[in-house]
Amino acid sequence: HILKRTALTKKNGVPVAENFRLEQSTIPDTAQEGQVRVRTLYLSVDPYMRCRMNEDTGSDYLLPWQLSEVADGGGIGVVEESKHNNFAKGDFVTSFNWPWQTVAILDGSLLQKLVPQLVNGCLSYFLGAAGITGLTALLGIREKGHVTAGANQTMVVSGAAGACGSLAGQIGRLEGCSRVVGIAGTDEKCSILVSEMGFNAAINYKKENVAEQLRKLCPGGVDVYFDNVGGDISDTVISQMNQNSHIILCGQISQYNKDVPYPPPLPPDIEKIQKERNITRERFLVLNYMDKQEASVLQLCQWIQEGKLKVRETVIKGLANIGAAFQSMMNGGNIGKQIILVSK
């Protein structure tokens, strides 16, 4: 089975399950030299994929999904046949461009072998906390957050119950922030952030006045802002940031369904605050730091093994449900990383 992308009505549109269709197809019986035949176990569904539904993704490193072609993204599978020297039958492998299909023949040079013991056997973590999501949180904080242990810094995380945000708050604390406050959209999410993820406090932006709550919860102002959402929430946080503070520009999910440049420009009054207070706000691309990938993944795995980094996943079974899962994620419906279980 393969999942293909069908038409998206507008660049400004919200994705729906009907933007994808499931088809049956045949693949060659055997792999060629340098290839491996894999059975797909897990697929990742991520907010950045919304950008791939536009002809212009707004990014040099992201190619658009073509209409009526197989979609792709982060995936994990098991090798069923190998004609590549680095892989043997039974190996677990991953790729950032895994096709959304149940079985595939892939170029072995594009695959990485996985060691399940590094994540206590939870293979799907390599798509999230020990994969590109965790790397984005860790390297974003280290490269753009300027967190210093003992400096009594306060970090705010928007989209805090999402895949990246839920890790970023924990990593901020592990790296030395003395106070971490999350912003999320339901009481359940806020409760989980405080009770499970070690956030000091969380604000439900749909029920509470964010500006008032930030003043109360961050009396010394905000030193580091891990921005997953953009828009009004970010404008509110930036207005309470300190002199020489730092924005980690991870994502702008509130803007992904709109035809605006990335990163979206700030309103004039907020831009004035940013410049007057010398607040850094630079685009962050984790792929620019791949020389630090190996050491960073090992750090993430160590924290997971030690129980210092708590991982939440929303697992949806079946390739046929990936379109609905995508729609739910873009509407903020899940906690933690969204994973599609394709086969066991």
C-alpha atoms as a PDB file:
ATOM      1  CA  HIS A   1       0.000   0.000   0.000  1.00  0.00           C
ATOM      2  CA  ILE A   2       1.192   3.524  -0.804  1.00  0.00           C
ATOM      3  CA  LEU A   3      -0.155   6.905   0.268  1.00  0.00           C
ATOM      4  CA  LYS A   4      -0.278   9.671  -2.328  1.00  0.00           C
ATOM      5  CA  ARG A   5      -0.940  13.350  -2.050  1.00  0.00           C
ATOM      6  CA  THR A   6      -4.017  14.733  -3.794  1.00  0.00           C
ATOM      7  CA  ALA A   7      -4.920  18.373  -4.388  1.00  0.00           C
ATOM      8  CA  LEU A   8      -4.768  21.034  -1.711  1.00  0.00           C
ATOM      9  CA  THR A   9      -7.290  23.677  -2.635  1.00  0.00           C
ATOM     10  CA  LYS A  10      -5.421  26.808  -1.524  1.00  0.00           C
ATOM     11  CA  LYS A  11      -2.025  27.829  -0.261  1.00  0.00           C
ATOM     12  CA  ASN A  12      -3.961  29.419   2.603  1.00  0.00           C
ATOM     13  CA  GLY A  13      -6.017  26.277   3.189  1.00  0.00           C
ATOM     14  CA  VAL A  14      -6.080  23.974   6.180  1.00  0.00           C
ATOM     15  CA  PRO A  15      -5.052  20.384   5.296  1.00  0.00           C
ATOM     16  CA  VAL A  16      -7.719  17.694   5.574  1.00  0.00           C
ATOM     17  CA  ALA A  17      -7.621  13.892   5.395  1.00  0.00           C
ATOM     18  CA  GLU A  18      -8.993  14.021   1.837  1.00  0.00           C
ATOM     19  CA  ASN A  19      -5.715  15.622   0.681  1.00  0.00           C
ATOM     20  CA  PHE A  20      -4.279  12.077   0.692  1.00  0.00           C
ATOM     21  CA  ARG A  21      -5.360   8.804  -0.861  1.00  0.00           C
ATOM     22  CA  LEU A  22      -4.308   5.196  -0.316  1.00  0.00           C
ATOM     23  CA  GLU A  23      -3.512   3.015  -3.328  1.00  0.00           C
ATOM     24  CA  GLN A  24      -2.235  -0.493  -3.943  1.00  0.00           C
ATOM     25  CA  SER A  25       0.843  -0.821  -6.080  1.00  0.00           C
ATOM     26  CA  THR A  26       3.506  -3.373  -6.995  1.00  0.00           C
ATOM     27  CA  ILE A  27       7.251  -3.055  -6.422  1.00  0.00           C
ATOM     28  CA  PRO A  28      10.044  -5.211  -7.920  1.00  0.00           C
ATOM     29  CA  ASP A  29      10.418  -8.679  -6.397  1.00  0.00           C
ATOM     30  CA  THR A  30      14.046  -8.170  -5.485  1.00  0.00           C
ATOM     31  CA  ALA A  31      16.488  -5.387  -4.617  1.00  0.00           C
ATOM     32  CA  GLN A  32      19.277  -4.381  -7.004  1.00  0.00           C
ATOM     33  CA  GLU A  33      22.948  -3.948  -6.073  1.00  0.00           C
ATOM     34  CA  GLY A  34      23.285  -1.209  -3.400  1.00  0.00           C
ATOM     35  CA  GLN A  35      19.588  -1.385  -2.489  1.00  0.00           C
ATOM     36  CA  VAL A  36      17.636  -2.857   0.414  1.00  0.00           C
ATOM     37  CA  ARG A  37      14.042  -4.041   0.608  1.00  0.00           C
ATOM     38  CA  VAL A  38      12.382  -2.793   3.781  1.00  0.00           C
ATOM     39  CA  ARG A  39       9.092  -3.239   5.593  1.00  0.00           C
ATOM     40  CA  THR A  40       7.865   0.012   7.108  1.00  0.00           C
ATOM     41  CA  LEU A  41       7.289   0.003  10.865  1.00  0.00           C
ATOM     42  CA  TYR A  42       6.798   3.674  11.800  1.00  0.00           C
ATOM     43  CA  LEU A  43       6.227   6.965   9.992  1.00  0.00           C
ATOM     44  CA  SER A  44       6.488  10.447  11.443  1.00  0.00           C
ATOM     45  CA  VAL A  45       3.883  13.176  10.929  1.00  0.00           C
ATOM     46  CA  ASP A  46       5.247  16.674  11.517  1.00  0.00           C
ATOM     47  CA  PRO A  47       4.059  20.299  11.201  1.00  0.00           C
ATOM     48  CA  TYR A  48       6.814  21.203   8.678  1.00  0.00           C
ATOM     49  CA  MET A  49       5.090  18.858   6.197  1.00  0.00           C
ATOM     50  CA  ARG A  50       2.393  21.502   5.725  1.00  0.00           C
ATOM     51  CA  CYS A  51       5.033  23.559   3.878  1.00  0.00           C
ATOM     52  CA  ARG A  52       5.617  20.619   1.527  1.00  0.00           C
ATOM     53  CA  MET A  53       2.004  20.888   0.368  1.00  0.00           C
ATOM     54  CA  ASN A  54       2.822  24.185  -1.359  1.00  0.00           C
ATOM     55  CA  GLU A  55       4.601  24.481  -4.704  1.00  0.00           C
ATOM     56  CA  ASP A  56       7.018  26.823  -2.957  1.00  0.00           C
ATOM     57  CA  THR A  57       7.901  25.298   0.417  1.00  0.00           C
ATOM     58  CA  GLY A  58       9.573  28.543   1.530  1.00  0.00           C
ATOM     59  CA  SER A  59      12.766  26.606   2.229  1.00  0.00           C
ATOM     60  CA  ASP A  60      15.790  25.535   0.206  1.00  0.00           C
ATOM     61  CA  TYR A  61      16.091  22.177   1.946  1.00  0.00           C
ATOM     62  CA  LEU A  62      12.437  21.060   1.621  1.00  0.00           C
ATOM     63  CA  LEU A  63      11.102  19.760  -1.681  1.00  0.00           C
ATOM     64  CA  PRO A  64       7.346  19.996  -2.296  1.00  0.00           C
ATOM     65  CA  TRP A  65       5.266  16.832  -2.409  1.00  0.00           C
ATOM     66  CA  GLN A  66       4.127  16.346  -5.994  1.00  0.00           C
ATOM     67  CA  LEU A  67       0.464  15.685  -6.770  1.00  0.00           C
ATOM     68  CA  SER A  68      -0.337  11.993  -7.237  1.00  0.00           C
ATOM     69  CA  GLU A  69       3.155  10.988  -6.135  1.00  0.00           C
ATOM     70  CA  VAL A  70       4.027   9.025  -2.992  1.00  0.00           C
ATOM     71  CA  ALA A  71       4.503  11.311   0.021  1.00  0.00           C
ATOM     72  CA  ASP A  72       7.561  10.880   2.229  1.00  0.00           C
ATOM     73  CA  GLY A  73       9.059  11.928   5.558  1.00  0.00           C
ATOM     74  CA  GLY A  74      10.845  10.474   8.557  1.00  0.00           C
ATOM     75  CA  GLY A  75      10.426   6.706   8.766  1.00  0.00           C
ATOM     76  CA  ILE A  76      11.744   3.519  10.360  1.00  0.00           C
ATOM     77  CA  GLY A  77      11.662   0.007   8.962  1.00  0.00           C
ATOM     78  CA  VAL A  78      13.231  -3.430   9.099  1.00  0.00           C
ATOM     79  CA  VAL A  79      15.424  -4.848   6.357  1.00  0.00           C
ATOM     80  CA  GLU A  80      13.856  -7.870   4.628  1.00  0.00           C
ATOM     81  CA  GLU A  81      16.516  -8.245   1.902  1.00  0.00           C
ATOM     82  CA  SER A  82      19.858  -6.476   1.476  1.00  0.00           C
ATOM     83  CA  LYS A  83      22.174  -5.986  -1.464  1.00  0.00           C
ATOM     84  CA  HIS A  84      24.136  -3.279   0.368  1.00  0.00           C
ATOM     85  CA  ASN A  85      27.291  -4.100   2.366  1.00  0.00           C
ATOM     86  CA  ASN A  86      26.269  -2.058   5.413  1.00  0.00           C
ATOM     87  CA  PHE A  87      22.955  -3.811   6.069  1.00  0.00           C
ATOM     88  CA  ALA A  88      21.727  -7.330   6.782  1.00  0.00           C
ATOM     89  CA  LYS A  89      18.281  -8.875   7.013  1.00  0.00           C
ATOM     90  CA  GLY A  90      16.681  -7.925  10.335  1.00  0.00           C
ATOM     91  CA  ASP A  91      18.515  -4.609  10.742  1.00  0.00           C
ATOM     92  CA  PHE A  92      16.422  -1.633  11.830  1.00  0.00           C
ATOM     93  CA  VAL A  93      16.998   1.419   9.615  1.00  0.00           C
ATOM     94  CA  THR A  94      15.770   4.994   9.256  1.00  0.00           C
ATOM     95  CA  SER A  95      15.666   7.796   6.694  1.00  0.00           C
ATOM     96  CA  PHE A  96      14.469  11.404   6.620  1.00  0.00           C
ATOM     97  CA  ASN A  97      12.844  10.706   3.225  1.00  0.00           C
ATOM     98  CA  TRP A  98      11.042   7.433   3.844  1.00  0.00           C
ATOM     99  CA  PRO A  99       8.215   6.821   1.345  1.00  0.00           C
ATOM    100  CA  TRP A 100       4.731   6.472   2.813  1.00  0.00           C
ATOM    101  CA  GLN A 101       4.259   2.852   1.795  1.00  0.00           C
ATOM    102  CA  THR A 102       4.104  -0.472   3.605  1.00  0.00           C
ATOM    103  CA  VAL A 103       7.058  -2.037   1.729  1.00  0.00           C
ATOM    104  CA  ALA A 104       9.764  -0.255  -0.254  1.00  0.00           C
ATOM    105  CA  ILE A 105      13.060  -0.768  -2.057  1.00  0.00           C
ATOM    106  CA  LEU A 106      15.472   1.987  -1.005  1.00  0.00           C
ATOM    107  CA  ASP A 107      18.998   3.072  -1.832  1.00  0.00           C
ATOM    108  CA  GLY A 108      21.135   1.798   1.040  1.00  0.00           C
ATOM    109  CA  SER A 109      23.329   4.923   1.001  1.00  0.00           C
ATOM    110  CA  LEU A 110      20.336   6.977   2.205  1.00  0.00           C
ATOM    111  CA  LEU A 111      19.705   4.812   5.280  1.00  0.00           C
ATOM    112  CA  GLN A 112      21.083   4.864   8.819  1.00  0.00           C
ATOM    113  CA  LYS A 113      21.245   1.761  10.999  1.00  0.00           C
ATOM    114  CA  LEU A 114      19.562   2.037  14.391  1.00  0.00           C
ATOM    115  CA  VAL A 115      20.577   0.538  17.747  1.00  0.00           C
ATOM    116  CA  PRO A 116      17.311  -0.181  19.657  1.00  0.00           C
ATOM    117  CA  GLN A 117      19.148  -0.535  22.996  1.00  0.00           C
ATOM    118  CA  LEU A 118      19.981   3.195  22.933  1.00  0.00           C
ATOM    119  CA  VAL A 119      16.282   3.999  23.436  1.00  0.00           C
ATOM    120  CA  ASN A 120      15.380   1.063  25.693  1.00  0.00           C
ATOM    121  CA  GLY A 121      13.887  -0.743  22.690  1.00  0.00           C
ATOM    122  CA  CYS A 122      11.408   2.059  21.871  1.00  0.00           C
ATOM    123  CA  LEU A 123      12.301   2.307  18.167  1.00  0.00           C
ATOM    124  CA  SER A 124       9.816   5.068  17.398  1.00  0.00           C
ATOM    125  CA  TYR A 125      11.814   7.418  19.656  1.00  0.00           C
ATOM    126  CA  PHE A 126      14.341   7.672  16.801  1.00  0.00           C
ATOM    127  CA  LEU A 127      11.686   9.684  14.916  1.00  0.00           C
ATOM    128  CA  GLY A 128      11.109  11.955  17.898  1.00  0.00           C
ATOM    129  CA  ALA A 129      13.061  12.443  21.116  1.00  0.00           C
ATOM    130  CA  ALA A 130      16.198  10.682  19.792  1.00  0.00           C
ATOM    131  CA  GLY A 131      15.700  11.841  16.206  1.00  0.00           C
ATOM    132  CA  ILE A 132      15.277  15.062  14.272  1.00  0.00           C
ATOM    133  CA  THR A 133      12.717  16.410  16.800  1.00  0.00           C
ATOM    134  CA  GLY A 134      15.026  15.982  19.776  1.00  0.00           C
ATOM    135  CA  LEU A 135      17.963  17.333  17.771  1.00  0.00           C
ATOM    136  CA  THR A 136      15.929  20.423  16.881  1.00  0.00           C
ATOM    137  CA  ALA A 137      15.158  21.073  20.550  1.00  0.00           C
ATOM    138  CA  LEU A 138      18.663  20.372  21.867  1.00  0.00           C
ATOM    139  CA  LEU A 139      20.678  22.106  19.141  1.00  0.00           C
ATOM    140  CA  GLY A 140      18.224  25.013  19.015  1.00  0.00           C
ATOM    141  CA  ILE A 141      18.760  25.632  22.722  1.00  0.00           C
ATOM    142  CA  ARG A 142      22.540  25.152  22.532  1.00  0.00           C
ATOM    143  CA  GLU A 143      23.143  27.136  19.356  1.00  0.00           C
ATOM    144  CA  LYS A 144      20.553  29.937  19.653  1.00  0.00           C
ATOM    145  CA  GLY A 145      19.346  29.949  23.270  1.00  0.00           C
ATOM    146  CA  HIS A 146      22.619  30.872  25.009  1.00  0.00           C
ATOM    147  CA  VAL A 147      21.539  29.065  28.175  1.00  0.00           C
ATOM    148  CA  THR A 148      24.129  29.252  30.965  1.00  0.00           C
ATOM    149  CA  ALA A 149      23.918  27.052  34.050  1.00  0.00           C
ATOM    150  CA  GLY A 150      23.646  29.129  37.214  1.00  0.00           C
ATOM    151  CA  ALA A 151      22.576  32.300  35.373  1.00  0.00           C
ATOM    152  CA  ASN A 152      19.019  32.132  36.778  1.00  0.00           C
ATOM    153  CA  GLN A 153      17.425  32.269  33.314  1.00  0.00           C
ATOM    154  CA  THR A 154      13.713  31.925  32.579  1.00  0.00           C
ATOM    155  CA  MET A 155      12.604  30.082  29.439  1.00  0.00           C
ATOM    156  CA  VAL A 156       9.155  30.210  27.855  1.00  0.00           C
ATOM    157  CA  VAL A 157       8.065  27.552  25.344  1.00  0.00           C
ATOM    158  CA  SER A 158       5.066  28.001  23.035  1.00  0.00           C
ATOM    159  CA  GLY A 159       3.430  24.944  21.483  1.00  0.00           C
ATOM    160  CA  ALA A 160       4.800  23.362  24.638  1.00  0.00           C
ATOM    161  CA  ALA A 161       2.804  20.121  24.507  1.00  0.00           C
ATOM    162  CA  GLY A 162       3.865  19.358  20.930  1.00  0.00           C
ATOM    163  CA  ALA A 163       6.654  17.030  19.849  1.00  0.00           C
ATOM    164  CA  CYS A 164       9.414  19.646  19.933  1.00  0.00           C
ATOM    165  CA  GLY A 165       8.052  21.913  22.669  1.00  0.00           C
ATOM    166  CA  SER A 166       7.602  19.157  25.238  1.00  0.00           C
ATOM    167  CA  LEU A 167      11.269  18.185  24.778  1.00  0.00           C
ATOM    168  CA  ALA A 168      12.554  21.766  24.592  1.00  0.00           C
ATOM    169  CA  GLY A 169      11.217  22.703  28.029  1.00  0.00           C
ATOM    170  CA  GLN A 170      12.818  19.662  29.620  1.00  0.00           C
ATOM    171  CA  ILE A 171      16.121  20.235  27.807  1.00  0.00           C
ATOM    172  CA  GLY A 172      16.094  23.905  28.841  1.00  0.00           C
ATOM    173  CA  ARG A 173      15.902  22.790  32.460  1.00  0.00           C
ATOM    174  CA  LEU A 174      18.603  20.102  31.963  1.00  0.00           C
ATOM    175  CA  GLU A 175      20.887  22.690  30.325  1.00  0.00           C
ATOM    176  CA  GLY A 176      20.534  25.089  33.258  1.00  0.00           C
ATOM    177  CA  CYS A 177      17.385  27.253  33.082  1.00  0.00           C
ATOM    178  CA  SER A 178      16.052  27.905  36.573  1.00  0.00           C
ATOM    179  CA  ARG A 179      12.458  28.429  35.427  1.00  0.00           C
ATOM    180  CA  VAL A 180      10.556  26.955  32.473  1.00  0.00           C
ATOM    181  CA  VAL A 181       7.010  28.024  31.580  1.00  0.00           C
ATOM    182  CA  GLY A 182       4.982  26.366  28.818  1.00  0.00           C
ATOM    183  CA  ILE A 183       2.072  27.684  26.746  1.00  0.00           C
ATOM    184  CA  ALA A 184      -0.453  25.139  25.455  1.00  0.00           C
ATOM    185  CA  GLY A 185      -4.106  24.933  24.400  1.00  0.00           C
ATOM    186  CA  THR A 186      -5.888  22.656  26.897  1.00  0.00           C
ATOM    187  CA  ASP A 187      -5.948  22.102  30.659  1.00  0.00           C
ATOM    188  CA  GLU A 188      -4.889  18.468  30.091  1.00  0.00           C
ATOM    189  CA  LYS A 189      -1.786  19.538  28.172  1.00  0.00           C
ATOM    190  CA  CYS A 190      -0.882  22.121  30.815  1.00  0.00           C
ATOM    191  CA  SER A 191      -1.312  19.556  33.576  1.00  0.00           C
ATOM    192  CA  ILE A 192       0.955  17.018  31.811  1.00  0.00           C
ATOM    193  CA  LEU A 193       3.657  19.637  31.246  1.00  0.00           C
ATOM    194  CA  VAL A 194       3.847  20.381  34.979  1.00  0.00           C
ATOM    195  CA  SER A 195       3.215  16.920  36.444  1.00  0.00           C
ATOM    196  CA  GLU A 196       5.202  14.789  33.963  1.00  0.00           C
ATOM    197  CA  MET A 197       7.578  17.008  32.022  1.00  0.00           C
ATOM    198  CA  GLY A 198       8.997  19.109  34.850  1.00  0.00           C
ATOM    199  CA  PHE A 199       7.799  22.527  33.658  1.00  0.00           C
ATOM    200  CA  ASN A 200       7.440  24.968  36.547  1.00  0.00           C
ATOM    201  CA  ALA A 201       4.129  26.244  35.213  1.00  0.00           C
ATOM    202  CA  ALA A 202       1.942  26.207  32.109  1.00  0.00           C
ATOM    203  CA  ILE A 203      -0.547  28.681  30.612  1.00  0.00           C
ATOM    204  CA  ASN A 204      -3.713  27.657  28.749  1.00  0.00           C
ATOM    205  CA  TYR A 205      -3.807  30.366  26.079  1.00  0.00           C
ATOM    206  CA  LYS A 206      -7.402  29.535  25.141  1.00  0.00           C
ATOM    207  CA  LYS A 207      -8.696  30.228  28.661  1.00  0.00           C
ATOM    208  CA  GLU A 208      -6.189  32.541  30.329  1.00  0.00           C
ATOM    209  CA  ASN A 209      -4.815  35.993  29.634  1.00  0.00           C
ATOM    210  CA  VAL A 210      -1.305  35.108  28.450  1.00  0.00           C
ATOM    211  CA  ALA A 211       0.207  38.546  29.120  1.00  0.00           C
ATOM    212  CA  GLU A 212      -1.134  38.612  32.708  1.00  0.00           C
ATOM    213  CA  GLN A 213      -0.025  35.051  33.426  1.00  0.00           C
ATOM    214  CA  LEU A 214       3.464  35.679  32.024  1.00  0.00           C
ATOM    215  CA  ARG A 215       3.871  38.725  34.272  1.00  0.00           C
ATOM    216  CA  LYS A 216       2.861  36.595  37.246  1.00  0.00           C
ATOM    217  CA  LEU A 217       4.885  33.470  36.361  1.00  0.00           C
ATOM    218  CA  CYS A 218       7.978  35.238  34.977  1.00  0.00           C
ATOM    219  CA  PRO A 219       8.391  38.226  37.322  1.00  0.00           C
ATOM    220  CA  GLY A 220      11.986  38.731  36.195  1.00  0.00           C
ATOM    221  CA  GLY A 221      11.016  38.738  32.529  1.00  0.00           C
ATOM    222  CA  VAL A 222      11.847  36.164  29.841  1.00  0.00           C
ATOM    223  CA  ASP A 223      15.455  35.361  28.886  1.00  0.00           C
ATOM    224  CA  VAL A 224      14.941  32.562  26.350  1.00  0.00           C
ATOM    225  CA  TYR A 225      11.873  31.980  24.187  1.00  0.00           C
ATOM    226  CA  PHE A 226      11.523  28.688  22.304  1.00  0.00           C
ATOM    227  CA  ASP A 227       9.034  29.704  19.627  1.00  0.00           C
ATOM    228  CA  ASN A 228       7.001  26.957  17.955  1.00  0.00           C
ATOM    229  CA  VAL A 229       3.941  28.986  16.972  1.00  0.00           C
ATOM    230  CA  GLY A 230       4.538  32.608  15.953  1.00  0.00           C
ATOM    231  CA  GLY A 231       1.563  34.975  15.677  1.00  0.00           C
ATOM    232  CA  ASP A 232      -0.186  36.703  18.582  1.00  0.00           C
ATOM    233  CA  ILE A 233       1.203  34.412  21.301  1.00  0.00           C
ATOM    234  CA  SER A 234       4.770  35.133  20.245  1.00  0.00           C
ATOM    235  CA  ASP A 235       4.114  38.869  20.086  1.00  0.00           C
ATOM    236  CA  THR A 236       2.873  38.696  23.690  1.00  0.00           C
ATOM    237  CA  VAL A 237       5.968  36.788  24.871  1.00  0.00           C
ATOM    238  CA  ILE A 238       8.415  39.046  23.017  1.00  0.00           C
ATOM    239  CA  SER A 239       6.897  42.112  24.673  1.00  0.00           C
ATOM    240  CA  GLN A 240       7.998  40.652  28.068  1.00  0.00           C
ATOM    241  CA  MET A 241      11.512  39.610  27.040  1.00  0.00           C
ATOM    242  CA  ASN A 242      14.583  41.055  28.720  1.00  0.00           C
ATOM    243  CA  GLN A 243      17.463  43.061  27.295  1.00  0.00           C
ATOM    244  CA  ASN A 244      19.880  40.853  25.280  1.00  0.00           C
ATOM    245  CA  SER A 245      17.511  37.880  25.410  1.00  0.00           C
ATOM    246  CA  HIS A 246      17.149  35.188  22.750  1.00  0.00           C
ATOM    247  CA  ILE A 247      14.371  33.736  20.588  1.00  0.00           C
ATOM    248  CA  ILE A 248      14.882  30.210  19.269  1.00  0.00           C
ATOM    249  CA  LEU A 249      12.900  30.331  16.057  1.00  0.00           C
ATOM    250  CA  CYS A 250      11.894  26.688  15.761  1.00  0.00           C
ATOM    251  CA  GLY A 251       8.521  26.826  14.007  1.00  0.00           C
ATOM    252  CA  GLN A 252       5.590  29.074  13.217  1.00  0.00           C
ATOM    253  CA  ILE A 253       2.681  26.625  13.109  1.00  0.00           C
ATOM    254  CA  SER A 254       0.063  29.371  13.482  1.00  0.00           C
ATOM    255  CA  GLN A 255       1.316  30.777  10.153  1.00  0.00           C
ATOM    256  CA  TYR A 256       1.768  27.573   8.112  1.00  0.00           C
ATOM    257  CA  ASN A 257      -1.704  27.721   6.541  1.00  0.00           C
ATOM    258  CA  LYS A 258      -1.183  31.337   5.461  1.00  0.00           C
ATOM    259  CA  ASP A 259       0.612  32.711   2.428  1.00  0.00           C
ATOM    260  CA  VAL A 260       3.362  34.581   4.320  1.00  0.00           C
ATOM    261  CA  PRO A 261       7.184  34.422   4.124  1.00  0.00           C
ATOM    262  CA  TYR A 262       9.165  32.350   6.614  1.00  0.00           C
ATOM    263  CA  PRO A 263      10.007  33.464   9.179  1.00  0.00           C
ATOM    264  CA  PRO A 264       6.986  35.804   9.172  1.00  0.00           C
ATOM    265  CA  PRO A 265       7.808  39.470   9.857  1.00  0.00           C
ATOM    266  CA  LEU A 266       6.919  40.830  13.285  1.00  0.00           C
ATOM    267  CA  PRO A 267       4.330  43.625  13.662  1.00  0.00           C
ATOM    268  CA  PRO A 268       6.060  47.061  13.752  1.00  0.00           C
ATOM    269  CA  ASP A 269       5.535  47.616  17.502  1.00  0.00           C
ATOM    270  CA  ILE A 270       6.968  44.181  18.369  1.00  0.00           C
ATOM    271  CA  GLU A 271       9.866  44.611  15.943  1.00  0.00           C
ATOM    272  CA  LYS A 272      10.652  47.903  17.696  1.00  0.00           C
ATOM    273  CA  ILE A 273      10.813  46.087  21.075  1.00  0.00           C
ATOM    274  CA  GLN A 274      13.024  43.398  19.557  1.00  0.00           C
ATOM    275  CA  LYS A 275      15.509  45.939  18.193  1.00  0.00           C
ATOM    276  CA  GLU A 276      15.515  48.217  21.260  1.00  0.00           C
ATOM    277  CA  ARG A 277      16.146  45.301  23.620  1.00  0.00           C
ATOM    278  CA  ASN A 278      18.666  43.633  21.280  1.00  0.00           C
ATOM    279  CA  ILE A 279      16.663  40.383  21.228  1.00  0.00           C
ATOM    280  CA  THR A 280      18.157  37.837  18.804  1.00  0.00           C
ATOM    281  CA  ARG A 281      15.657  36.175  16.416  1.00  0.00           C
ATOM    282  CA  GLU A 282      17.534  34.186  13.807  1.00  0.00           C
ATOM    283  CA  ARG A 283      16.212  31.428  11.610  1.00  0.00           C
ATOM    284  CA  PHE A 284      17.297  28.042  12.973  1.00  0.00           C
ATOM    285  CA  LEU A 285      17.793  25.029  10.692  1.00  0.00           C
ATOM    286  CA  VAL A 286      18.878  21.855  12.470  1.00  0.00           C
ATOM    287  CA  LEU A 287      20.279  20.477   9.201  1.00  0.00           C
ATOM    288  CA  ASN A 288      23.009  23.143   9.372  1.00  0.00           C
ATOM    289  CA  TYR A 289      24.402  21.438  12.487  1.00  0.00           C
ATOM    290  CA  MET A 290      24.664  17.835  11.327  1.00  0.00           C
ATOM    291  CA  ASP A 291      28.339  17.736  12.354  1.00  0.00           C
ATOM    292  CA  LYS A 292      26.963  17.685  15.916  1.00  0.00           C
ATOM    293  CA  GLN A 293      24.306  15.056  15.205  1.00  0.00           C
ATOM    294  CA  GLU A 294      26.045  11.957  16.557  1.00  0.00           C
ATOM    295  CA  ALA A 295      27.130  13.458  19.900  1.00  0.00           C
ATOM    296  CA  SER A 296      23.727  15.130  20.323  1.00  0.00           C
ATOM    297  CA  VAL A 297      21.753  11.923  19.656  1.00  0.00           C
ATOM    298  CA  LEU A 298      23.902  10.099  22.213  1.00  0.00           C
ATOM    299  CA  GLN A 299      23.179  12.855  24.756  1.00  0.00           C
ATOM    300  CA  LEU A 300      19.427  12.576  24.090  1.00  0.00           C
ATOM    301  CA  CYS A 301      19.561   8.775  24.410  1.00  0.00           C
ATOM    302  CA  GLN A 302      21.472   9.041  27.690  1.00  0.00           C
ATOM    303  CA  TRP A 303      18.823  11.382  29.132  1.00  0.00           C
ATOM    304  CA  ILE A 304      16.073   8.995  27.971  1.00  0.00           C
ATOM    305  CA  GLN A 305      17.818   5.995  29.566  1.00  0.00           C
ATOM    306  CA  GLU A 306      18.335   7.911  32.809  1.00  0.00           C
ATOM    307  CA  GLY A 307      14.671   8.948  32.885  1.00  0.00           C
ATOM    308  CA  LYS A 308      15.610  12.642  32.719  1.00  0.00           C
ATOM    309  CA  LEU A 309      13.863  13.185  29.383  1.00  0.00           C
ATOM    310  CA  LYS A 310      10.217  12.107  29.426  1.00  0.00           C
ATOM    311  CA  VAL A 311       8.707  11.161  26.078  1.00  0.00           C
ATOM    312  CA  ARG A 312       5.050  11.349  25.067  1.00  0.00           C
ATOM    313  CA  GLU A 313       3.787   9.898  21.795  1.00  0.00           C
ATOM    314  CA  THR A 314       0.416   9.853  20.083  1.00  0.00           C
ATOM    315  CA  VAL A 315       0.413   6.596  18.115  1.00  0.00           C
ATOM    316  CA  ILE A 316      -2.096   6.069  15.301  1.00  0.00           C
ATOM    317  CA  LYS A 317      -2.374   2.642  13.715  1.00  0.00           C
ATOM    318  CA  GLY A 318      -2.489   2.131   9.971  1.00  0.00           C
ATOM    319  CA  LEU A 319      -1.164   3.913   6.892  1.00  0.00           C
ATOM    320  CA  ALA A 320      -4.763   4.637   5.853  1.00  0.00           C
ATOM    321  CA  ASN A 321      -5.173   6.976   8.858  1.00  0.00           C
ATOM    322  CA  ILE A 322      -2.171   9.193   8.169  1.00  0.00           C
ATOM    323  CA  GLY A 323      -4.255  11.904   6.442  1.00  0.00           C
ATOM    324  CA  ALA A 324      -6.594  12.192   9.423  1.00  0.00           C
ATOM    325  CA  ALA A 325      -3.582  12.209  11.762  1.00  0.00           C
ATOM    326  CA  PHE A 326      -2.036  15.049   9.767  1.00  0.00           C
ATOM    327  CA  GLN A 327      -5.270  17.053  10.008  1.00  0.00           C
ATOM    328  CA  SER A 328      -5.507  16.444  13.773  1.00  0.00           C
ATOM    329  CA  MET A 329      -1.892  17.512  14.345  1.00  0.00           C
ATOM    330  CA  MET A 330      -2.319  20.767  12.406  1.00  0.00           C
ATOM    331  CA  ASN A 331      -5.345  21.494  14.599  1.00  0.00           C
ATOM    332  CA  GLY A 332      -3.239  20.967  17.751  1.00  0.00           C
ATOM    333  CA  GLY A 333      -4.995  17.760  18.711  1.00  0.00           C
ATOM    334  CA  ASN A 334      -2.102  15.642  19.938  1.00  0.00           C
ATOM    335  CA  ILE A 335       0.320  15.591  22.850  1.00  0.00           C
ATOM    336  CA  GLY A 336       3.957  14.917  22.056  1.00  0.00           C
ATOM    337  CA  LYS A 337       5.181  13.290  18.875  1.00  0.00           C
ATOM    338  CA  GLN A 338       2.667  11.948  16.364  1.00  0.00           C
ATOM    339  CA  ILE A 339       3.671   8.493  15.086  1.00  0.00           C
ATOM    340  CA  ILE A 340       1.973   6.233  12.548  1.00  0.00           C
ATOM    341  CA  LEU A 341       2.350   2.539  13.363  1.00  0.00           C
ATOM    342  CA  VAL A 342       2.376   0.901   9.915  1.00  0.00           C
ATOM    343  CA  SER A 343       3.302  -2.664  10.944  1.00  0.00           C
ATOM    344  CA  LYS A 344       4.792  -4.539  13.877  1.00  0.00           C
END
